[in-house]
C-alpha atoms as a PDB file:
ATOM      1  CA  MET A   1      10.253  15.569  -3.479  1.00  0.00           C
ATOM      2  CA  GLN A   2       9.015  12.005  -3.258  1.00  0.00           C
ATOM      3  CA  TRP A   3       6.099  10.449  -5.078  1.00  0.00           C
ATOM      4  CA  TRP A   4       4.736   7.356  -3.518  1.00  0.00           C
ATOM      5  CA  PRO A   5       1.957   5.318  -5.125  1.00  0.00           C
ATOM      6  CA  LEU A   6       0.891   2.310  -3.133  1.00  0.00           C
ATOM      7  CA  THR A   7      -1.214  -0.298  -4.896  1.00  0.00           C
ATOM      8  CA  PHE A   8      -2.972  -3.160  -3.174  1.00  0.00           C
ATOM      9  CA  SER A   9      -5.137  -5.881  -4.620  1.00  0.00           C
ATOM     10  CA  ARG A  10      -6.955  -8.067  -2.189  1.00  0.00           C
ATOM     11  CA  THR A  11      -9.687 -10.626  -1.675  1.00  0.00           C
ATOM     12  CA  PRO A  12     -11.607  -9.676   1.457  1.00  0.00           C
ATOM     13  CA  PRO A  13     -14.521 -11.531   2.984  1.00  0.00           C
ATOM     14  CA  LYS A  14     -17.741 -10.042   1.591  1.00  0.00           C
ATOM     15  CA  PRO A  15     -18.685  -8.074   4.765  1.00  0.00           C
ATOM     16  CA  PHE A  16     -15.479  -6.057   4.414  1.00  0.00           C
ATOM     17  CA  LEU A  17     -16.244  -4.900   0.876  1.00  0.00           C
ATOM     18  CA  LYS A  18     -18.337  -2.054   2.282  1.00  0.00           C
ATOM     19  CA  SER A  19     -15.273  -0.699   4.089  1.00  0.00           C
ATOM     20  CA  LEU A  20     -13.756   0.116   0.697  1.00  0.00           C
ATOM     21  CA  ALA A  21     -16.462   2.721   0.143  1.00  0.00           C
ATOM     22  CA  ASN A  22     -15.272   4.576   3.249  1.00  0.00           C
ATOM     23  CA  PRO A  23     -12.715   7.194   2.146  1.00  0.00           C
ATOM     24  CA  SER A  24     -11.305   7.446   5.667  1.00  0.00           C
ATOM     25  CA  LEU A  25      -9.930   3.905   5.315  1.00  0.00           C
ATOM     26  CA  LEU A  26      -7.428   5.125   2.765  1.00  0.00           C
ATOM     27  CA  SER A  27      -6.695   8.598   4.108  1.00  0.00           C
ATOM     28  CA  LEU A  28      -6.366   7.640   7.777  1.00  0.00           C
ATOM     29  CA  SER A  29      -4.193   4.640   6.958  1.00  0.00           C
ATOM     30  CA  LEU A  30      -1.684   6.920   5.265  1.00  0.00           C
ATOM     31  CA  PHE A  31      -0.468   8.774   8.326  1.00  0.00           C
ATOM     32  CA  PRO A  32       1.629   6.014   9.957  1.00  0.00           C
ATOM     33  CA  LEU A  33       3.247   5.328   6.593  1.00  0.00           C
ATOM     34  CA  LEU A  34       3.983   8.983   5.915  1.00  0.00           C
ATOM     35  CA  VAL A  35       5.717   9.371   9.267  1.00  0.00           C
ATOM     36  CA  ILE A  36       8.069   6.469   8.527  1.00  0.00           C
ATOM     37  CA  VAL A  37       9.350   7.906   5.266  1.00  0.00           C
ATOM     38  CA  LEU A  38       8.670  11.615   5.928  1.00  0.00           C
ATOM     39  CA  LEU A  39       6.630  12.077   2.780  1.00  0.00           C
ATOM     40  CA  MET A  40       4.451  14.967   1.770  1.00  0.00           C
ATOM     41  CA  TYR A  41       0.783  13.944   1.697  1.00  0.00           C
ATOM     42  CA  LEU A  42       0.379  15.841  -1.584  1.00  0.00           C
ATOM     43  CA  TYR A  43       2.405  13.256  -3.512  1.00  0.00           C
ATOM     44  CA  VAL A  44       0.967  10.065  -2.038  1.00  0.00           C
ATOM     45  CA  MET A  45      -1.472   7.920  -4.002  1.00  0.00           C
ATOM     46  CA  ILE A  46      -3.137   4.725  -2.832  1.00  0.00           C
ATOM     47  CA  LEU A  47      -5.085   2.428  -5.109  1.00  0.00           C
ATOM     48  CA  LEU A  48      -7.074  -0.304  -3.400  1.00  0.00           C
ATOM     49  CA  ASN A  49      -8.651  -2.951  -5.618  1.00  0.00           C
ATOM     50  CA  GLY A  50     -11.249  -5.000  -3.793  1.00  0.00           C
ATOM     51  CA  SER A  51     -12.828  -8.265  -4.906  1.00  0.00           C
ATOM     52  CA  VAL A  52      -9.823  -9.348  -6.957  1.00  0.00           C
ATOM     53  CA  PRO A  53      -9.796 -13.151  -7.236  1.00  0.00           C
ATOM     54  CA  MET A  54      -6.623 -14.303  -5.481  1.00  0.00           C
ATOM     55  CA  ALA A  55      -5.193 -17.556  -4.230  1.00  0.00           C
ATOM     56  CA  PHE A  56      -2.356 -17.479  -1.717  1.00  0.00           C
ATOM     57  CA  ALA A  57      -0.654 -20.531  -0.198  1.00  0.00           C
ATOM     58  CA  GLY A  58      -3.231 -22.763  -1.837  1.00  0.00           C
ATOM     59  CA  THR A  59      -6.323 -21.100  -0.361  1.00  0.00           C
ATOM     60  CA  GLU A  60      -8.685 -18.286  -1.232  1.00  0.00           C
ATOM     61  CA  GLU A  61      -8.751 -16.859   2.289  1.00  0.00           C
ATOM     62  CA  PRO A  62      -8.349 -13.048   2.425  1.00  0.00           C
ATOM     63  CA  ALA A  63      -4.971 -12.044   0.997  1.00  0.00           C
ATOM     64  CA  ALA A  64      -3.281  -8.971  -0.445  1.00  0.00           C
ATOM     65  CA  TYR A  65      -0.498  -7.961  -2.796  1.00  0.00           C
ATOM     66  CA  GLY A  66       0.996  -4.492  -2.717  1.00  0.00           C
ATOM     67  CA  GLU A  67       3.548  -2.410  -4.544  1.00  0.00           C
ATOM     68  CA  LEU A  68       5.144   0.639  -3.021  1.00  0.00           C
ATOM     69  CA  ILE A  69       6.965   2.925  -5.437  1.00  0.00           C
ATOM     70  CA  SER A  70       9.019   5.834  -4.147  1.00  0.00           C
ATOM     71  CA  ILE A  71      11.455   8.359  -5.517  1.00  0.00           C
ATOM     72  CA  GLY A  72      13.940   7.995  -2.687  1.00  0.00           C
ATOM     73  CA  GLY A  73      13.042   7.612   0.971  1.00  0.00           C
ATOM     74  CA  ILE A  74      12.930   3.818   1.041  1.00  0.00           C
ATOM     75  CA  GLY A  75      15.563   1.124   1.328  1.00  0.00           C
ATOM     76  CA  PRO A  76      16.642  -1.760   3.543  1.00  0.00           C
ATOM     77  CA  SER A  77      16.489   0.287   6.757  1.00  0.00           C
ATOM     78  CA  VAL A  78      12.952   1.580   6.064  1.00  0.00           C
ATOM     79  CA  ASN A  79      11.239  -1.254   4.179  1.00  0.00           C
ATOM     80  CA  GLY A  80      10.907  -3.502   7.239  1.00  0.00           C
ATOM     81  CA  LYS A  81       9.174  -0.730   9.196  1.00  0.00           C
ATOM     82  CA  LEU A  82       6.856  -0.049   6.264  1.00  0.00           C
ATOM     83  CA  SER A  83       6.033  -3.739   5.875  1.00  0.00           C
ATOM     84  CA  SER A  84       5.228  -4.017   9.580  1.00  0.00           C
ATOM     85  CA  THR A  85       3.014  -0.927   9.542  1.00  0.00           C
ATOM     86  CA  ILE A  86       1.193  -2.009   6.384  1.00  0.00           C
ATOM     87  CA  ALA A  87       0.654  -5.471   7.902  1.00  0.00           C
ATOM     88  CA  GLU A  88      -0.937  -3.854  10.955  1.00  0.00           C
ATOM     89  CA  ILE A  89      -3.214  -1.687   8.787  1.00  0.00           C
ATOM     90  CA  LEU A  90      -4.280  -4.654   6.642  1.00  0.00           C
ATOM     91  CA  GLU A  91      -5.031  -6.718   9.723  1.00  0.00           C
ATOM     92  CA  THR A  92      -6.927  -4.086  11.713  1.00  0.00           C
ATOM     93  CA  LYS A  93      -8.803  -2.423   8.852  1.00  0.00           C
ATOM     94  CA  LEU A  94      -9.361  -5.304   6.424  1.00  0.00           C
ATOM     95  CA  SER A  95      -8.895  -8.489   8.509  1.00  0.00           C
ATOM     96  CA  ILE A  96      -6.056  -9.746   6.325  1.00  0.00           C
ATOM     97  CA  ASP A  97      -3.515 -11.725   8.331  1.00  0.00           C
ATOM     98  CA  SER A  98       0.062 -10.460   8.068  1.00  0.00           C
ATOM     99  CA  SER A  99       1.161 -13.875   6.812  1.00  0.00           C
ATOM    100  CA  ARG A 100      -1.128 -13.516   3.790  1.00  0.00           C
ATOM    101  CA  PHE A 101       0.318 -10.585   1.896  1.00  0.00           C
ATOM    102  CA  TYR A 102       3.344  -9.632  -0.133  1.00  0.00           C
ATOM    103  CA  ILE A 103       4.604  -6.128  -0.724  1.00  0.00           C
ATOM    104  CA  LYS A 104       7.141  -5.197  -3.370  1.00  0.00           C
ATOM    105  CA  PHE A 105       9.260  -2.071  -2.885  1.00  0.00           C
ATOM    106  CA  TYR A 106      10.565   0.009  -5.792  1.00  0.00           C
ATOM    107  CA  ASP A 107      13.021   2.893  -5.393  1.00  0.00           C
ATOM    108  CA  VAL A 108      13.053   4.739  -8.715  1.00  0.00           C
ATOM    109  CA  GLU A 109      14.895   7.729 -10.129  1.00  0.00           C
ATOM    110  CA  ARG A 110      13.088  11.014 -10.833  1.00  0.00           C
ATOM    111  CA  PRO A 111      13.336  10.859 -14.655  1.00  0.00           C
ATOM    112  CA  PHE A 112      11.347   7.611 -14.635  1.00  0.00           C
ATOM    113  CA  PHE A 113       8.156   9.138 -13.178  1.00  0.00           C
ATOM    114  CA  GLY A 114       5.905  11.559 -14.993  1.00  0.00           C
ATOM    115  CA  PHE A 115       3.765  14.126 -13.186  1.00  0.00           C
ATOM    116  CA  ASN A 116       1.990  17.306 -14.189  1.00  0.00           C
ATOM    117  CA  GLY A 117       3.176  17.133 -17.800  1.00  0.00           C
ATOM    118  CA  SER A 118       6.829  16.588 -16.899  1.00  0.00           C
ATOM    119  CA  THR A 119       8.962  14.293 -14.764  1.00  0.00           C
ATOM    120  CA  PHE A 120      10.114  14.750 -11.204  1.00  0.00           C
END
C-alpha cells in the first residue's frame, strides 16, 4: 500500500486562478502519475495552493514548487519520469514553464505516516 500526497504551491497569472476551481484539473491530472508508480487512487492526495507569492530565478513569472511523498514506489528510476509528467501537466494545465518549478521527492517508511487512526 502506498500513500502519495503531492503538494504544489504556485503563482499563476490571474486568468488561470479560475482553473483551480475546476475539480477535474486535479483528478484528471492524477492518471498519468498513477500509471508511472502503479498507485491506488484511493491513497493519493493532491493539494494545490494558488496565488502563493513566489519569486523564482529573480522574477515573479508563474512558478511552482512541489513535494511528492510516497511509501515506496519512487526512486531514481521513477523520479525522472514523474518530474517529466508533472512538468507536462503544469505546462498544459497551468501555463507554468517546466524550467520554473522544483519538485522534491520523499520516500518514507510506513511507520512515519499516520492514516485512519493508525500508521501504514
